[in-house]
Amino acid sequence: MNANTQAGDEHVELAVEVFTMLADVTRVKILLALREGEQSVGDLAAAVRKPTPGVSQHLAKLRLARMVVARHEGTRVFYRLADDHASELVSVAMHQAEHMLGTAPEHIRVTQESSTDRA
């Protein structure tokens, strides 16, 4: 193997870790909630309708994956998205879900069908 192949494999392995982080309903809901801006752990727990300790554990995993960033204010902890990448991944996954359910906006379905017809 050359250096480029090894670097490629490393990137693929990290990409799989990203998808593993997103393979949990609660974590995806947390990321969706954080698209609206910084929120406290309690607010996120209410938004995803899960107990605060469980949400804290999910946030810790997302923080270790560098998808979210924590800010302490006294005894409260606030979280925000680290960057737009996780949000974009969730958006693409949600759009794919729309296609799977047949609920994608008409203009997207037509574009897809047109592309298929030409092939």
C-alpha atoms as a PDB file:
ATOM      1  CA  MET A   1       0.000   0.000   0.000  1.00  0.00           C
ATOM      2  CA  ASN A   2       1.210   3.483  -0.740  1.00  0.00           C
ATOM      3  CA  ALA A   3       0.772   6.520   1.533  1.00  0.00           C
ATOM      4  CA  ASN A   4      -2.250   7.806  -0.418  1.00  0.00           C
ATOM      5  CA  THR A   5      -4.115   4.513  -0.023  1.00  0.00           C
ATOM      6  CA  GLN A   6      -3.397   4.453   3.702  1.00  0.00           C
ATOM      7  CA  ALA A   7      -4.634   8.026   4.124  1.00  0.00           C
ATOM      8  CA  GLY A   8      -7.719   7.116   2.131  1.00  0.00           C
ATOM      9  CA  ASP A   9      -8.402   4.133   4.389  1.00  0.00           C
ATOM     10  CA  GLU A  10      -8.034   6.340   7.458  1.00  0.00           C
ATOM     11  CA  HIS A  11     -10.543   8.802   6.035  1.00  0.00           C
ATOM     12  CA  VAL A  12     -12.969   6.004   5.246  1.00  0.00           C
ATOM     13  CA  GLU A  13     -12.689   4.645   8.789  1.00  0.00           C
ATOM     14  CA  LEU A  14     -13.345   8.097  10.245  1.00  0.00           C
ATOM     15  CA  ALA A  15     -16.292   8.576   7.898  1.00  0.00           C
ATOM     16  CA  VAL A  16     -17.756   5.322   9.198  1.00  0.00           C
ATOM     17  CA  GLU A  17     -17.345   6.655  12.749  1.00  0.00           C
ATOM     18  CA  VAL A  18     -19.308   9.753  11.721  1.00  0.00           C
ATOM     19  CA  PHE A  19     -22.116   7.587  10.368  1.00  0.00           C
ATOM     20  CA  THR A  20     -22.009   5.519  13.565  1.00  0.00           C
ATOM     21  CA  MET A  21     -22.545   8.711  15.557  1.00  0.00           C
ATOM     22  CA  LEU A  22     -25.544   9.501  13.370  1.00  0.00           C
ATOM     23  CA  ALA A  23     -26.977   5.981  13.667  1.00  0.00           C
ATOM     24  CA  ASP A  24     -28.941   6.899  16.778  1.00  0.00           C
ATOM     25  CA  VAL A  25     -32.374   8.536  16.836  1.00  0.00           C
ATOM     26  CA  THR A  26     -31.656  10.647  19.923  1.00  0.00           C
ATOM     27  CA  ARG A  27     -28.365  11.990  18.563  1.00  0.00           C
ATOM     28  CA  VAL A  28     -29.986  12.937  15.246  1.00  0.00           C
ATOM     29  CA  LYS A  29     -32.803  14.685  17.124  1.00  0.00           C
ATOM     30  CA  ILE A  30     -30.209  16.549  19.214  1.00  0.00           C
ATOM     31  CA  LEU A  31     -28.395  17.701  16.088  1.00  0.00           C
ATOM     32  CA  LEU A  32     -31.680  18.794  14.526  1.00  0.00           C
ATOM     33  CA  ALA A  33     -32.519  20.803  17.659  1.00  0.00           C
ATOM     34  CA  LEU A  34     -29.082  22.423  17.705  1.00  0.00           C
ATOM     35  CA  ARG A  35     -29.582  23.707  14.161  1.00  0.00           C
ATOM     36  CA  GLU A  36     -31.764  26.344  15.797  1.00  0.00           C
ATOM     37  CA  GLY A  37     -28.854  27.536  17.933  1.00  0.00           C
ATOM     38  CA  GLU A  38     -27.109  26.967  21.229  1.00  0.00           C
ATOM     39  CA  GLN A  39     -29.173  25.209  23.896  1.00  0.00           C
ATOM     40  CA  SER A  40     -28.788  23.956  27.438  1.00  0.00           C
ATOM     41  CA  VAL A  41     -28.805  20.270  28.250  1.00  0.00           C
ATOM     42  CA  GLY A  42     -32.221  20.666  29.897  1.00  0.00           C
ATOM     43  CA  ASP A  43     -33.672  22.393  26.844  1.00  0.00           C
ATOM     44  CA  LEU A  44     -32.281  19.679  24.577  1.00  0.00           C
ATOM     45  CA  ALA A  45     -33.714  16.960  26.827  1.00  0.00           C
ATOM     46  CA  ALA A  46     -37.124  18.599  26.557  1.00  0.00           C
ATOM     47  CA  ALA A  47     -36.763  19.008  22.786  1.00  0.00           C
ATOM     48  CA  VAL A  48     -35.940  15.331  22.212  1.00  0.00           C
ATOM     49  CA  ARG A  49     -38.274  14.140  25.003  1.00  0.00           C
ATOM     50  CA  LYS A  50     -35.620  12.100  26.775  1.00  0.00           C
ATOM     51  CA  PRO A  51     -34.261  12.187  30.347  1.00  0.00           C
ATOM     52  CA  THR A  52     -31.475  14.706  30.949  1.00  0.00           C
ATOM     53  CA  PRO A  53     -28.845  12.115  32.023  1.00  0.00           C
ATOM     54  CA  GLY A  54     -29.310  10.153  28.791  1.00  0.00           C
ATOM     55  CA  VAL A  55     -29.122  13.307  26.680  1.00  0.00           C
ATOM     56  CA  SER A  56     -25.929  14.275  28.521  1.00  0.00           C
ATOM     57  CA  GLN A  57     -24.385  10.934  27.571  1.00  0.00           C
ATOM     58  CA  HIS A  58     -25.297  11.429  23.922  1.00  0.00           C
ATOM     59  CA  LEU A  59     -23.893  14.970  24.022  1.00  0.00           C
ATOM     60  CA  ALA A  60     -20.641  13.638  25.475  1.00  0.00           C
ATOM     61  CA  LYS A  61     -20.310  11.248  22.535  1.00  0.00           C
ATOM     62  CA  LEU A  62     -21.095  14.020  20.050  1.00  0.00           C
ATOM     63  CA  ARG A  63     -18.543  16.248  21.766  1.00  0.00           C
ATOM     64  CA  LEU A  64     -15.852  13.536  21.563  1.00  0.00           C
ATOM     65  CA  ALA A  65     -16.700  13.181  17.862  1.00  0.00           C
ATOM     66  CA  ARG A  66     -16.224  16.960  17.569  1.00  0.00           C
ATOM     67  CA  MET A  67     -19.742  17.460  16.256  1.00  0.00           C
ATOM     68  CA  VAL A  68     -20.821  19.709  19.130  1.00  0.00           C
ATOM     69  CA  VAL A  69     -19.053  22.183  21.390  1.00  0.00           C
ATOM     70  CA  ALA A  70     -19.861  22.794  25.058  1.00  0.00           C
ATOM     71  CA  ARG A  71     -19.862  26.109  26.908  1.00  0.00           C
ATOM     72  CA  HIS A  72     -20.150  26.343  30.688  1.00  0.00           C
ATOM     73  CA  GLU A  73     -22.027  29.154  32.373  1.00  0.00           C
ATOM     74  CA  GLY A  74     -22.027  28.620  36.115  1.00  0.00           C
ATOM     75  CA  THR A  75     -23.523  25.182  36.692  1.00  0.00           C
ATOM     76  CA  ARG A  76     -25.276  25.086  33.320  1.00  0.00           C
ATOM     77  CA  VAL A  77     -23.790  23.631  30.165  1.00  0.00           C
ATOM     78  CA  PHE A  78     -24.796  24.886  26.739  1.00  0.00           C
ATOM     79  CA  TYR A  79     -24.153  23.086  23.472  1.00  0.00           C
ATOM     80  CA  ARG A  80     -23.920  24.234  19.888  1.00  0.00           C
ATOM     81  CA  LEU A  81     -22.938  22.615  16.615  1.00  0.00           C
ATOM     82  CA  ALA A  82     -19.179  22.630  16.098  1.00  0.00           C
ATOM     83  CA  ASP A  83     -19.654  23.436  12.394  1.00  0.00           C
ATOM     84  CA  ASP A  84     -22.181  22.994   9.593  1.00  0.00           C
ATOM     85  CA  HIS A  85     -21.001  19.548   8.506  1.00  0.00           C
ATOM     86  CA  ALA A  86     -23.094  17.444  10.915  1.00  0.00           C
ATOM     87  CA  SER A  87     -26.124  19.586  10.143  1.00  0.00           C
ATOM     88  CA  GLU A  88     -25.591  19.068   6.410  1.00  0.00           C
ATOM     89  CA  LEU A  89     -25.272  15.294   6.871  1.00  0.00           C
ATOM     90  CA  VAL A  90     -28.515  15.197   8.836  1.00  0.00           C
ATOM     91  CA  SER A  91     -30.231  17.325   6.180  1.00  0.00           C
ATOM     92  CA  VAL A  92     -29.122  14.977   3.408  1.00  0.00           C
ATOM     93  CA  ALA A  93     -30.289  11.958   5.431  1.00  0.00           C
ATOM     94  CA  MET A  94     -33.670  13.619   6.013  1.00  0.00           C
ATOM     95  CA  HIS A  95     -33.998  14.314   2.276  1.00  0.00           C
ATOM     96  CA  GLN A  96     -33.147  10.674   1.553  1.00  0.00           C
ATOM     97  CA  ALA A  97     -35.845   9.611   4.037  1.00  0.00           C
ATOM     98  CA  GLU A  98     -38.331  11.804   2.149  1.00  0.00           C
ATOM     99  CA  HIS A  99     -37.430   9.996  -1.060  1.00  0.00           C
ATOM    100  CA  MET A 100     -37.795   6.607   0.613  1.00  0.00           C
ATOM    101  CA  LEU A 101     -41.258   7.588   1.865  1.00  0.00           C
ATOM    102  CA  GLY A 102     -42.239   9.144  -1.457  1.00  0.00           C
ATOM    103  CA  THR A 103     -42.748  12.531   0.204  1.00  0.00           C
ATOM    104  CA  ALA A 104     -39.913  14.400  -1.492  1.00  0.00           C
ATOM    105  CA  PRO A 105     -40.983  17.703  -3.067  1.00  0.00           C
ATOM    106  CA  GLU A 106     -42.310  17.258  -6.600  1.00  0.00           C
ATOM    107  CA  HIS A 107     -39.455  19.161  -8.269  1.00  0.00           C
ATOM    108  CA  ILE A 108     -36.896  16.821  -6.725  1.00  0.00           C
ATOM    109  CA  ARG A 109     -38.764  13.666  -7.773  1.00  0.00           C
ATOM    110  CA  VAL A 110     -39.231  14.953 -11.319  1.00  0.00           C
ATOM    111  CA  THR A 111     -35.530  15.768 -11.626  1.00  0.00           C
ATOM    112  CA  GLN A 112     -34.631  12.278 -10.415  1.00  0.00           C
ATOM    113  CA  GLU A 113     -37.098  10.594 -12.776  1.00  0.00           C
ATOM    114  CA  SER A 114     -35.880  12.683 -15.710  1.00  0.00           C
ATOM    115  CA  SER A 115     -32.298  11.649 -15.015  1.00  0.00           C
ATOM    116  CA  THR A 116     -33.301   8.000 -14.863  1.00  0.00           C
ATOM    117  CA  ASP A 117     -35.300   8.198 -18.082  1.00  0.00           C
ATOM    118  CA  ARG A 118     -32.227   9.442 -19.968  1.00  0.00           C
ATOM    119  CA  ALA A 119     -30.030   6.581 -18.756  1.00  0.00           C
END
